[in-house]
C-alpha atoms as a PDB file:
ATOM      1  CA  HIS A   1     -53.964  34.636  77.269  1.00  0.00           C
ATOM      2  CA  ARG A   2     -50.241  34.371  76.591  1.00  0.00           C
ATOM      3  CA  VAL A   3     -50.011  31.431  79.004  1.00  0.00           C
ATOM      4  CA  LEU A   4     -53.010  29.738  77.341  1.00  0.00           C
ATOM      5  CA  GLN A   5     -51.430  30.192  73.901  1.00  0.00           C
ATOM      6  CA  ARG A   6     -48.645  27.806  74.942  1.00  0.00           C
ATOM      7  CA  TYR A   7     -51.279  25.093  75.404  1.00  0.00           C
ATOM      8  CA  THR A   8     -53.004  25.480  72.028  1.00  0.00           C
ATOM      9  CA  TYR A   9     -52.477  21.913  70.845  1.00  0.00           C
ATOM     10  CA  VAL A  10     -52.811  20.374  74.305  1.00  0.00           C
ATOM     11  CA  SER A  11     -56.226  22.050  74.446  1.00  0.00           C
ATOM     12  CA  VAL A  12     -57.428  20.559  71.164  1.00  0.00           C
ATOM     13  CA  VAL A  13     -56.220  17.048  72.066  1.00  0.00           C
ATOM     14  CA  SER A  14     -57.938  17.301  75.455  1.00  0.00           C
ATOM     15  CA  ALA A  15     -61.127  18.627  73.836  1.00  0.00           C
ATOM     16  CA  LEU A  16     -61.205  15.779  71.308  1.00  0.00           C
ATOM     17  CA  ALA A  17     -60.697  13.241  74.101  1.00  0.00           C
ATOM     18  CA  LEU A  18     -63.584  14.772  76.061  1.00  0.00           C
ATOM     19  CA  LEU A  19     -65.791  14.695  72.962  1.00  0.00           C
ATOM     20  CA  VAL A  20     -65.045  11.034  72.227  1.00  0.00           C
ATOM     21  CA  LEU A  21     -65.468   9.830  75.819  1.00  0.00           C
ATOM     22  CA  PRO A  22     -69.335   9.765  75.929  1.00  0.00           C
ATOM     23  CA  ILE A  23     -69.442   7.462  72.894  1.00  0.00           C
ATOM     24  CA  PHE A  24     -68.443   4.592  75.198  1.00  0.00           C
ATOM     25  CA  PHE A  25     -71.386   5.201  77.563  1.00  0.00           C
ATOM     26  CA  PRO A  26     -75.082   4.421  77.053  1.00  0.00           C
ATOM     27  CA  ALA A  27     -77.236   6.961  75.204  1.00  0.00           C
ATOM     28  CA  VAL A  28     -79.543   9.209  77.240  1.00  0.00           C
ATOM     29  CA  ASN A  29     -82.743  10.216  75.406  1.00  0.00           C
ATOM     30  CA  GLY A  30     -81.140   9.157  72.128  1.00  0.00           C
ATOM     31  CA  ALA A  31     -77.965  11.279  72.463  1.00  0.00           C
ATOM     32  CA  ARG A  32     -74.524  10.148  73.576  1.00  0.00           C
ATOM     33  CA  ILE A  33     -73.369  13.267  75.391  1.00  0.00           C
ATOM     34  CA  TRP A  34     -73.503  12.143  79.042  1.00  0.00           C
ATOM     35  CA  ILE A  35     -71.153  10.154  81.256  1.00  0.00           C
ATOM     36  CA  ARG A  36     -72.879   8.487  84.208  1.00  0.00           C
ATOM     37  CA  ILE A  37     -70.862   6.832  86.954  1.00  0.00           C
ATOM     38  CA  ALA A  38     -72.246   5.841  90.367  1.00  0.00           C
ATOM     39  CA  GLY A  39     -75.234   8.174  90.203  1.00  0.00           C
ATOM     40  CA  PHE A  40     -73.124  11.123  89.069  1.00  0.00           C
ATOM     41  CA  SER A  41     -73.543  12.478  85.535  1.00  0.00           C
ATOM     42  CA  ILE A  42     -71.536  15.012  83.552  1.00  0.00           C
ATOM     43  CA  GLN A  43     -71.400  16.354  79.994  1.00  0.00           C
ATOM     44  CA  PRO A  44     -67.721  16.455  78.934  1.00  0.00           C
ATOM     45  CA  GLY A  45     -68.674  18.483  75.853  1.00  0.00           C
ATOM     46  CA  GLU A  46     -69.236  21.505  78.082  1.00  0.00           C
ATOM     47  CA  PHE A  47     -65.548  21.492  79.047  1.00  0.00           C
ATOM     48  CA  ALA A  48     -64.573  20.757  75.441  1.00  0.00           C
ATOM     49  CA  LYS A  49     -66.272  24.003  74.362  1.00  0.00           C
ATOM     50  CA  VAL A  50     -63.891  26.064  76.495  1.00  0.00           C
ATOM     51  CA  LEU A  51     -60.843  24.062  75.400  1.00  0.00           C
ATOM     52  CA  LEU A  52     -61.808  24.403  71.726  1.00  0.00           C
ATOM     53  CA  ALA A  53     -62.184  28.164  72.156  1.00  0.00           C
ATOM     54  CA  VAL A  54     -58.617  28.243  73.561  1.00  0.00           C
ATOM     55  CA  PHE A  55     -57.374  26.164  70.603  1.00  0.00           C
ATOM     56  CA  PHE A  56     -59.165  28.295  67.999  1.00  0.00           C
ATOM     57  CA  ALA A  57     -57.847  31.515  69.519  1.00  0.00           C
ATOM     58  CA  GLY A  58     -54.279  30.190  69.658  1.00  0.00           C
ATOM     59  CA  TYR A  59     -54.399  28.742  66.139  1.00  0.00           C
ATOM     60  CA  LEU A  60     -55.885  31.881  64.629  1.00  0.00           C
ATOM     61  CA  ALA A  61     -53.443  34.170  66.449  1.00  0.00           C
ATOM     62  CA  ALA A  62     -50.523  32.157  65.067  1.00  0.00           C
ATOM     63  CA  ASN A  63     -51.888  31.848  61.500  1.00  0.00           C
ATOM     64  CA  ARG A  64     -53.810  35.096  61.116  1.00  0.00           C
ATOM     65  CA  ASN A  65     -51.771  36.547  58.281  1.00  0.00           C
ATOM     66  CA  ALA A  66     -51.816  33.363  56.201  1.00  0.00           C
ATOM     67  CA  LEU A  67     -55.596  33.131  56.559  1.00  0.00           C
ATOM     68  CA  ALA A  68     -56.288  36.823  55.925  1.00  0.00           C
ATOM     69  CA  TYR A  69     -53.890  37.395  53.027  1.00  0.00           C
ATOM     70  CA  SER A  70     -53.987  34.201  51.029  1.00  0.00           C
ATOM     71  CA  GLY A  71     -53.329  35.778  47.654  1.00  0.00           C
ATOM     72  CA  ARG A  72     -55.795  35.308  44.817  1.00  0.00           C
ATOM     73  CA  GLN A  73     -59.410  34.584  45.776  1.00  0.00           C
ATOM     74  CA  ILE A  74     -61.367  31.705  44.265  1.00  0.00           C
ATOM     75  CA  TRP A  75     -64.364  33.922  43.644  1.00  0.00           C
ATOM     76  CA  ARG A  76     -65.300  37.531  44.172  1.00  0.00           C
ATOM     77  CA  PHE A  77     -68.813  38.968  44.141  1.00  0.00           C
ATOM     78  CA  ARG A  78     -69.068  42.668  44.962  1.00  0.00           C
ATOM     79  CA  ARG A  79     -67.425  42.994  48.407  1.00  0.00           C
ATOM     80  CA  LEU A  80     -67.561  39.279  49.243  1.00  0.00           C
ATOM     81  CA  GLN A  81     -64.172  37.574  48.892  1.00  0.00           C
ATOM     82  CA  LEU A  82     -63.889  33.827  49.241  1.00  0.00           C
ATOM     83  CA  PRO A  83     -60.484  32.427  50.242  1.00  0.00           C
ATOM     84  CA  THR A  84     -58.364  30.145  48.087  1.00  0.00           C
ATOM     85  CA  GLY A  85     -58.656  26.374  48.246  1.00  0.00           C
ATOM     86  CA  ARG A  86     -55.339  25.987  50.072  1.00  0.00           C
ATOM     87  CA  VAL A  87     -56.567  28.131  52.939  1.00  0.00           C
ATOM     88  CA  LEU A  88     -59.944  26.355  53.140  1.00  0.00           C
ATOM     89  CA  GLY A  89     -58.288  23.266  54.696  1.00  0.00           C
ATOM     90  CA  PRO A  90     -58.726  24.228  58.380  1.00  0.00           C
ATOM     91  CA  ILE A  91     -62.386  25.202  58.042  1.00  0.00           C
ATOM     92  CA  VAL A  92     -63.214  22.023  56.114  1.00  0.00           C
ATOM     93  CA  ALA A  93     -61.412  19.907  58.746  1.00  0.00           C
ATOM     94  CA  ILE A  94     -63.364  21.547  61.586  1.00  0.00           C
ATOM     95  CA  TRP A  95     -66.591  21.130  59.589  1.00  0.00           C
ATOM     96  CA  LEU A  96     -65.931  17.414  59.141  1.00  0.00           C
ATOM     97  CA  LEU A  97     -65.111  17.097  62.848  1.00  0.00           C
ATOM     98  CA  SER A  98     -68.366  18.800  63.832  1.00  0.00           C
ATOM     99  CA  VAL A  99     -70.381  16.503  61.545  1.00  0.00           C
ATOM    100  CA  LEU A 100     -68.541  13.493  63.005  1.00  0.00           C
ATOM    101  CA  VAL A 101     -69.426  14.647  66.548  1.00  0.00           C
ATOM    102  CA  LEU A 102     -73.042  14.978  65.453  1.00  0.00           C
ATOM    103  CA  VAL A 103     -73.164  11.510  63.900  1.00  0.00           C
ATOM    104  CA  LEU A 104     -71.433   9.749  66.796  1.00  0.00           C
ATOM    105  CA  GLU A 105     -73.137  11.600  69.647  1.00  0.00           C
ATOM    106  CA  ARG A 106     -76.386  12.549  67.900  1.00  0.00           C
ATOM    107  CA  ASP A 107     -76.101  16.090  69.217  1.00  0.00           C
ATOM    108  CA  LEU A 108     -76.859  18.756  66.616  1.00  0.00           C
ATOM    109  CA  GLY A 109     -76.490  21.709  68.988  1.00  0.00           C
ATOM    110  CA  THR A 110     -72.959  20.887  70.114  1.00  0.00           C
ATOM    111  CA  SER A 111     -71.605  20.278  66.627  1.00  0.00           C
ATOM    112  CA  LEU A 112     -73.168  23.487  65.278  1.00  0.00           C
ATOM    113  CA  LEU A 113     -71.778  25.402  68.249  1.00  0.00           C
ATOM    114  CA  PHE A 114     -68.229  24.094  67.653  1.00  0.00           C
ATOM    115  CA  PHE A 115     -68.352  24.907  63.973  1.00  0.00           C
ATOM    116  CA  GLY A 116     -70.020  28.292  64.496  1.00  0.00           C
ATOM    117  CA  LEU A 117     -67.441  29.213  67.134  1.00  0.00           C
ATOM    118  CA  PHE A 118     -64.612  28.429  64.725  1.00  0.00           C
ATOM    119  CA  VAL A 119     -66.122  30.358  61.807  1.00  0.00           C
ATOM    120  CA  ILE A 120     -66.883  33.439  63.921  1.00  0.00           C
ATOM    121  CA  MET A 121     -63.400  33.450  65.457  1.00  0.00           C
ATOM    122  CA  LEU A 122     -61.932  33.006  61.974  1.00  0.00           C
ATOM    123  CA  TYR A 123     -63.868  36.042  60.772  1.00  0.00           C
ATOM    124  CA  VAL A 124     -62.826  38.109  63.810  1.00  0.00           C
ATOM    125  CA  ALA A 125     -59.162  37.146  63.308  1.00  0.00           C
ATOM    126  CA  THR A 126     -59.054  37.847  59.568  1.00  0.00           C
ATOM    127  CA  GLY A 127     -61.865  40.333  58.884  1.00  0.00           C
ATOM    128  CA  ARG A 128     -62.785  38.406  55.710  1.00  0.00           C
ATOM    129  CA  THR A 129     -66.502  37.975  55.069  1.00  0.00           C
ATOM    130  CA  GLY A 130     -65.724  35.058  52.759  1.00  0.00           C
ATOM    131  CA  TRP A 131     -65.231  32.855  55.810  1.00  0.00           C
ATOM    132  CA  ILE A 132     -68.790  33.560  56.966  1.00  0.00           C
ATOM    133  CA  ALA A 133     -70.166  32.655  53.516  1.00  0.00           C
ATOM    134  CA  VAL A 134     -68.172  29.413  53.327  1.00  0.00           C
ATOM    135  CA  GLY A 135     -69.092  28.545  56.916  1.00  0.00           C
ATOM    136  CA  LEU A 136     -72.820  29.063  56.348  1.00  0.00           C
ATOM    137  CA  MET A 137     -72.696  27.001  53.167  1.00  0.00           C
ATOM    138  CA  LEU A 138     -70.861  24.080  54.808  1.00  0.00           C
ATOM    139  CA  ALA A 139     -73.070  24.191  57.922  1.00  0.00           C
ATOM    140  CA  SER A 140     -76.204  24.114  55.769  1.00  0.00           C
ATOM    141  CA  VAL A 141     -74.988  21.166  53.700  1.00  0.00           C
ATOM    142  CA  GLY A 142     -73.982  19.223  56.806  1.00  0.00           C
ATOM    143  CA  ALA A 143     -77.188  19.960  58.727  1.00  0.00           C
ATOM    144  CA  VAL A 144     -79.455  19.003  55.814  1.00  0.00           C
ATOM    145  CA  ALA A 145     -77.545  15.782  55.116  1.00  0.00           C
ATOM    146  CA  VAL A 146     -77.435  14.637  58.735  1.00  0.00           C
ATOM    147  CA  GLY A 147     -81.003  15.817  59.371  1.00  0.00           C
ATOM    148  CA  ARG A 148     -82.223  13.507  56.630  1.00  0.00           C
ATOM    149  CA  LEU A 149     -79.903  10.543  57.205  1.00  0.00           C
ATOM    150  CA  GLU A 150     -79.592  10.298  61.014  1.00  0.00           C
ATOM    151  CA  PRO A 151     -82.848   8.996  62.571  1.00  0.00           C
ATOM    152  CA  HIS A 152     -82.483  10.746  65.964  1.00  0.00           C
ATOM    153  CA  VAL A 153     -81.772  14.134  64.430  1.00  0.00           C
ATOM    154  CA  HIS A 154     -84.514  13.575  61.836  1.00  0.00           C
ATOM    155  CA  SER A 155     -87.060  12.908  64.598  1.00  0.00           C
ATOM    156  CA  ARG A 156     -85.970  16.129  66.355  1.00  0.00           C
ATOM    157  CA  VAL A 157     -86.537  18.080  63.123  1.00  0.00           C
ATOM    158  CA  GLU A 158     -89.951  16.434  62.709  1.00  0.00           C
ATOM    159  CA  ASP A 159     -90.836  17.375  66.309  1.00  0.00           C
ATOM    160  CA  TRP A 160     -89.835  20.962  65.596  1.00  0.00           C
ATOM    161  CA  LEU A 161     -91.934  21.095  62.416  1.00  0.00           C
ATOM    162  CA  ALA A 162     -95.008  19.528  64.095  1.00  0.00           C
ATOM    163  CA  PRO A 163     -94.715  20.024  67.881  1.00  0.00           C
ATOM    164  CA  PHE A 164     -98.210  18.685  68.681  1.00  0.00           C
ATOM    165  CA  ALA A 165     -97.983  15.491  66.587  1.00  0.00           C
ATOM    166  CA  SER A 166     -96.839  13.378  69.553  1.00  0.00           C
ATOM    167  CA  ILE A 167     -99.828  14.539  71.586  1.00  0.00           C
ATOM    168  CA  THR A 168    -102.206  13.663  68.744  1.00  0.00           C
ATOM    169  CA  ALA A 169    -100.576  10.232  68.442  1.00  0.00           C
ATOM    170  CA  GLY A 170    -101.096   9.632  72.173  1.00  0.00           C
ATOM    171  CA  ASP A 171     -97.402   9.672  73.079  1.00  0.00           C
ATOM    172  CA  GLY A 172     -97.852  12.596  75.453  1.00  0.00           C
ATOM    173  CA  PRO A 173     -96.456  16.115  75.122  1.00  0.00           C
ATOM    174  CA  ASN A 174     -92.825  16.433  74.116  1.00  0.00           C
ATOM    175  CA  GLN A 175     -90.455  19.154  75.224  1.00  0.00           C
ATOM    176  CA  LEU A 176     -91.369  21.654  72.510  1.00  0.00           C
ATOM    177  CA  ALA A 177     -95.122  21.224  73.071  1.00  0.00           C
ATOM    178  CA  GLN A 178     -94.622  21.713  76.821  1.00  0.00           C
ATOM    179  CA  SER A 179     -92.757  24.972  76.242  1.00  0.00           C
ATOM    180  CA  LEU A 180     -95.531  26.223  73.941  1.00  0.00           C
ATOM    181  CA  PHE A 181     -98.108  25.371  76.623  1.00  0.00           C
ATOM    182  CA  ALA A 182     -96.000  27.286  79.163  1.00  0.00           C
ATOM    183  CA  PHE A 183     -95.928  30.366  76.923  1.00  0.00           C
ATOM    184  CA  ALA A 184     -99.675  30.088  76.341  1.00  0.00           C
ATOM    185  CA  SER A 185    -100.506  30.054  80.050  1.00  0.00           C
ATOM    186  CA  GLY A 186     -97.850  32.421  81.339  1.00  0.00           C
ATOM    187  CA  GLY A 187     -96.629  34.523  78.464  1.00  0.00           C
ATOM    188  CA  LEU A 188     -92.995  35.292  77.761  1.00  0.00           C
ATOM    189  CA  LEU A 189     -92.248  36.411  81.333  1.00  0.00           C
ATOM    190  CA  GLY A 190     -94.549  33.912  83.085  1.00  0.00           C
ATOM    191  CA  THR A 191     -97.045  34.529  85.859  1.00  0.00           C
ATOM    192  CA  GLY A 192     -94.921  33.618  88.854  1.00  0.00           C
ATOM    193  CA  LEU A 193     -92.480  31.015  90.085  1.00  0.00           C
ATOM    194  CA  GLY A 194     -93.290  27.671  88.488  1.00  0.00           C
ATOM    195  CA  LEU A 195     -96.284  29.086  86.612  1.00  0.00           C
ATOM    196  CA  GLY A 196     -94.621  30.349  83.427  1.00  0.00           C
END
């Protein structure tokens, strides 16, 4: 981990490059998260997850004291302490980056994973529950806004709310409906290979 700490900022630059790369390739099933070249496909975001974890760990190790002991809190309710505005900068920047990834790539899961990873590591590094509260609030605002404004994400939310609507409309079963059918015929553990 001491060797990886030397590459904190190289990791974040590499991760951002890997995240941006799929934007220049055609969308697959509405999301721009794949790179396809000569019959070979890869998701660069999977490598970016590891590199971002290295960056977050290095950044938080170097700035732990400033993030944990930021002086006066903005707001205090019982045991919950929210950090000052000056210290909120990194979490807001990562939140904006995760929303940008979602908008450009149309991939809700990846952006929530990046942001959740940062907030959890921030909490582990500082021990301040205020980071969890701020993180949940920002993630909720971002998810609701993008879920309503971005058509691909909105259709995914609609599919989740009404999984059998596509079957009723004659479009055939979607992924969620197929998984529900699998549970219905095989239960949680299935009834054998390929039968669950």
